[in-house]
């Protein structure tokens, strides 16, 4: 499988997004929110608003 998306760790190690997903978590959805958008990590999963799932269907 060709991997086009990469992440560089602070230590300089380059690893593919697929490797990060496999090692750390399961992605349930992907959404383009722009670069450096801190609002996507503004709260933990338990602190999400009740209407969080409905907001995933918004188009931007």
N, C-alpha and C. Protein backbone atom coordinates (compact mmCIF):
# COMPACT_ATOMS: atom_id res chain seq x y z
N UNK A 1 0.85 -1.18 0.00
CA UNK A 1 0.00 0.00 0.00
C UNK A 1 0.89 1.24 0.00
N UNK A 2 0.64 2.17 -0.88
CA UNK A 2 1.39 3.43 -0.91
C UNK A 2 0.89 4.34 0.19
N UNK A 3 1.82 4.98 0.86
CA UNK A 3 1.46 5.88 1.96
C UNK A 3 1.88 7.29 1.59
N UNK A 4 0.94 8.20 1.54
CA UNK A 4 1.24 9.56 1.11
C UNK A 4 1.25 10.56 2.26
N UNK A 5 0.64 10.23 3.38
CA UNK A 5 0.57 11.16 4.50
C UNK A 5 1.60 10.77 5.55
N UNK A 6 2.40 11.75 5.97
CA UNK A 6 3.47 11.47 6.93
C UNK A 6 3.43 12.46 8.08
N UNK A 7 3.98 12.03 9.20
CA UNK A 7 4.10 12.85 10.40
C UNK A 7 5.56 12.79 10.83
N UNK A 8 6.13 13.92 11.17
CA UNK A 8 7.50 13.94 11.68
C UNK A 8 7.44 14.21 13.18
N UNK A 9 7.99 13.30 13.94
CA UNK A 9 7.99 13.46 15.39
C UNK A 9 9.01 14.51 15.80
N UNK A 10 8.88 15.07 17.01
CA UNK A 10 9.85 16.06 17.48
C UNK A 10 11.29 15.56 17.43
N UNK A 11 11.49 14.26 17.56
CA UNK A 11 12.83 13.70 17.49
C UNK A 11 13.34 13.54 16.07
N UNK A 12 12.52 13.87 15.10
CA UNK A 12 12.93 13.81 13.70
C UNK A 12 12.58 12.52 12.99
N UNK A 13 11.99 11.56 13.69
CA UNK A 13 11.62 10.30 13.04
C UNK A 13 10.39 10.54 12.17
N UNK A 14 10.47 10.12 10.93
CA UNK A 14 9.32 10.25 10.04
C UNK A 14 8.58 8.93 10.02
N UNK A 15 7.28 8.98 10.26
CA UNK A 15 6.50 7.76 10.19
C UNK A 15 5.19 8.06 9.48
N UNK A 16 4.64 7.05 8.85
CA UNK A 16 3.42 7.26 8.09
C UNK A 16 2.22 7.40 9.01
N UNK A 17 1.21 8.08 8.54
CA UNK A 17 -0.04 8.22 9.29
C UNK A 17 -0.61 6.84 9.60
N UNK A 18 -0.50 5.92 8.65
CA UNK A 18 -1.00 4.57 8.87
C UNK A 18 -0.30 3.90 10.05
N UNK A 19 1.01 4.09 10.17
CA UNK A 19 1.73 3.52 11.30
C UNK A 19 1.25 4.10 12.62
N UNK A 20 1.00 5.41 12.65
CA UNK A 20 0.50 6.04 13.87
C UNK A 20 -0.87 5.51 14.24
N UNK A 21 -1.74 5.36 13.27
CA UNK A 21 -3.08 4.85 13.54
C UNK A 21 -2.99 3.42 14.07
N UNK A 22 -2.19 2.59 13.42
CA UNK A 22 -2.06 1.20 13.85
C UNK A 22 -1.51 1.10 15.27
N UNK A 23 -0.61 1.99 15.63
CA UNK A 23 0.06 1.88 16.92
C UNK A 23 -0.74 2.50 18.05
N UNK A 24 -1.47 3.56 17.81
CA UNK A 24 -2.06 4.33 18.90
C UNK A 24 -3.58 4.30 19.00
N UNK A 25 -4.31 4.25 17.91
CA UNK A 25 -5.75 4.45 18.01
C UNK A 25 -6.50 3.93 16.80
N UNK A 26 -7.80 3.95 16.86
CA UNK A 26 -8.66 3.67 15.73
C UNK A 26 -9.35 4.97 15.34
N UNK A 27 -9.25 5.34 14.09
CA UNK A 27 -9.89 6.56 13.60
C UNK A 27 -11.34 6.24 13.25
N UNK A 28 -12.28 7.00 13.81
CA UNK A 28 -13.69 6.75 13.53
C UNK A 28 -14.24 7.67 12.45
N UNK A 29 -13.58 8.80 12.22
CA UNK A 29 -13.95 9.68 11.13
C UNK A 29 -12.76 10.58 10.83
N UNK A 30 -12.74 11.09 9.60
CA UNK A 30 -11.69 12.02 9.19
C UNK A 30 -12.38 13.24 8.61
N UNK A 31 -11.93 14.40 9.00
CA UNK A 31 -12.55 15.64 8.54
C UNK A 31 -11.48 16.70 8.40
N UNK A 32 -11.47 17.42 7.28
CA UNK A 32 -10.52 18.51 7.08
C UNK A 32 -10.94 19.72 7.89
N UNK A 33 -10.13 20.11 8.86
CA UNK A 33 -10.45 21.25 9.73
C UNK A 33 -9.43 22.38 9.59
N UNK A 34 -8.51 22.26 8.67
CA UNK A 34 -7.52 23.31 8.48
C UNK A 34 -6.29 23.08 9.34
N UNK A 35 -5.25 23.76 8.98
CA UNK A 35 -3.98 23.62 9.71
C UNK A 35 -4.03 24.34 11.05
N UNK A 36 -3.37 23.78 12.03
CA UNK A 36 -3.21 24.40 13.35
C UNK A 36 -4.53 24.77 14.02
N UNK A 37 -5.53 23.93 13.87
CA UNK A 37 -6.85 24.18 14.45
C UNK A 37 -6.93 23.50 15.81
N UNK A 38 -6.67 24.25 16.87
CA UNK A 38 -6.66 23.67 18.22
C UNK A 38 -8.03 23.24 18.71
N UNK A 39 -9.10 23.69 18.06
CA UNK A 39 -10.44 23.32 18.52
C UNK A 39 -10.71 21.82 18.36
N UNK A 40 -9.96 21.14 17.51
CA UNK A 40 -10.21 19.71 17.33
C UNK A 40 -9.71 18.88 18.50
N UNK A 41 -8.86 19.47 19.35
CA UNK A 41 -8.38 18.77 20.53
C UNK A 41 -8.69 19.56 21.80
N UNK A 42 -9.74 20.35 21.74
CA UNK A 42 -10.07 21.25 22.84
C UNK A 42 -10.67 20.51 24.04
N UNK A 43 -11.14 19.28 23.85
CA UNK A 43 -11.72 18.55 24.97
C UNK A 43 -11.50 17.06 24.78
N UNK A 44 -11.64 16.33 25.86
CA UNK A 44 -11.52 14.87 25.78
C UNK A 44 -12.82 14.28 25.25
N UNK A 45 -12.79 13.01 24.91
CA UNK A 45 -13.99 12.36 24.38
C UNK A 45 -15.16 12.46 25.35
N UNK A 46 -14.92 12.38 26.64
CA UNK A 46 -15.98 12.46 27.64
C UNK A 46 -16.56 13.85 27.81
N UNK A 47 -15.88 14.86 27.31
CA UNK A 47 -16.34 16.24 27.45
C UNK A 47 -17.02 16.78 26.20
N UNK A 48 -17.18 15.93 25.18
CA UNK A 48 -17.81 16.39 23.94
C UNK A 48 -19.26 16.78 24.19
N UNK A 49 -19.78 17.76 23.44
CA UNK A 49 -21.18 18.16 23.61
C UNK A 49 -22.12 17.03 23.16
N UNK A 50 -23.34 17.06 23.67
CA UNK A 50 -24.32 16.02 23.34
C UNK A 50 -24.61 15.92 21.85
N UNK A 51 -24.52 17.05 21.14
CA UNK A 51 -24.84 17.06 19.71
C UNK A 51 -23.60 16.82 18.84
N UNK A 52 -22.53 16.29 19.41
CA UNK A 52 -21.28 16.10 18.68
C UNK A 52 -21.47 15.27 17.41
N UNK A 53 -22.15 14.14 17.52
CA UNK A 53 -22.34 13.27 16.35
C UNK A 53 -23.11 13.96 15.24
N UNK A 54 -24.12 14.73 15.58
CA UNK A 54 -24.90 15.44 14.56
C UNK A 54 -24.04 16.47 13.84
N UNK A 55 -23.10 17.08 14.55
CA UNK A 55 -22.24 18.08 13.93
C UNK A 55 -21.25 17.49 12.95
N UNK A 56 -21.02 16.20 13.00
CA UNK A 56 -20.10 15.56 12.06
C UNK A 56 -20.63 15.60 10.64
N UNK A 57 -21.94 15.76 10.49
CA UNK A 57 -22.54 15.78 9.16
C UNK A 57 -22.55 17.16 8.52
N UNK A 58 -22.04 18.16 9.21
CA UNK A 58 -21.98 19.51 8.64
C UNK A 58 -21.05 19.53 7.45
N UNK A 59 -21.35 20.35 6.47
CA UNK A 59 -20.42 20.55 5.36
C UNK A 59 -19.80 21.91 5.49
N UNK A 60 -18.57 22.01 5.14
CA UNK A 60 -17.85 23.28 5.24
C UNK A 60 -17.44 23.75 3.89
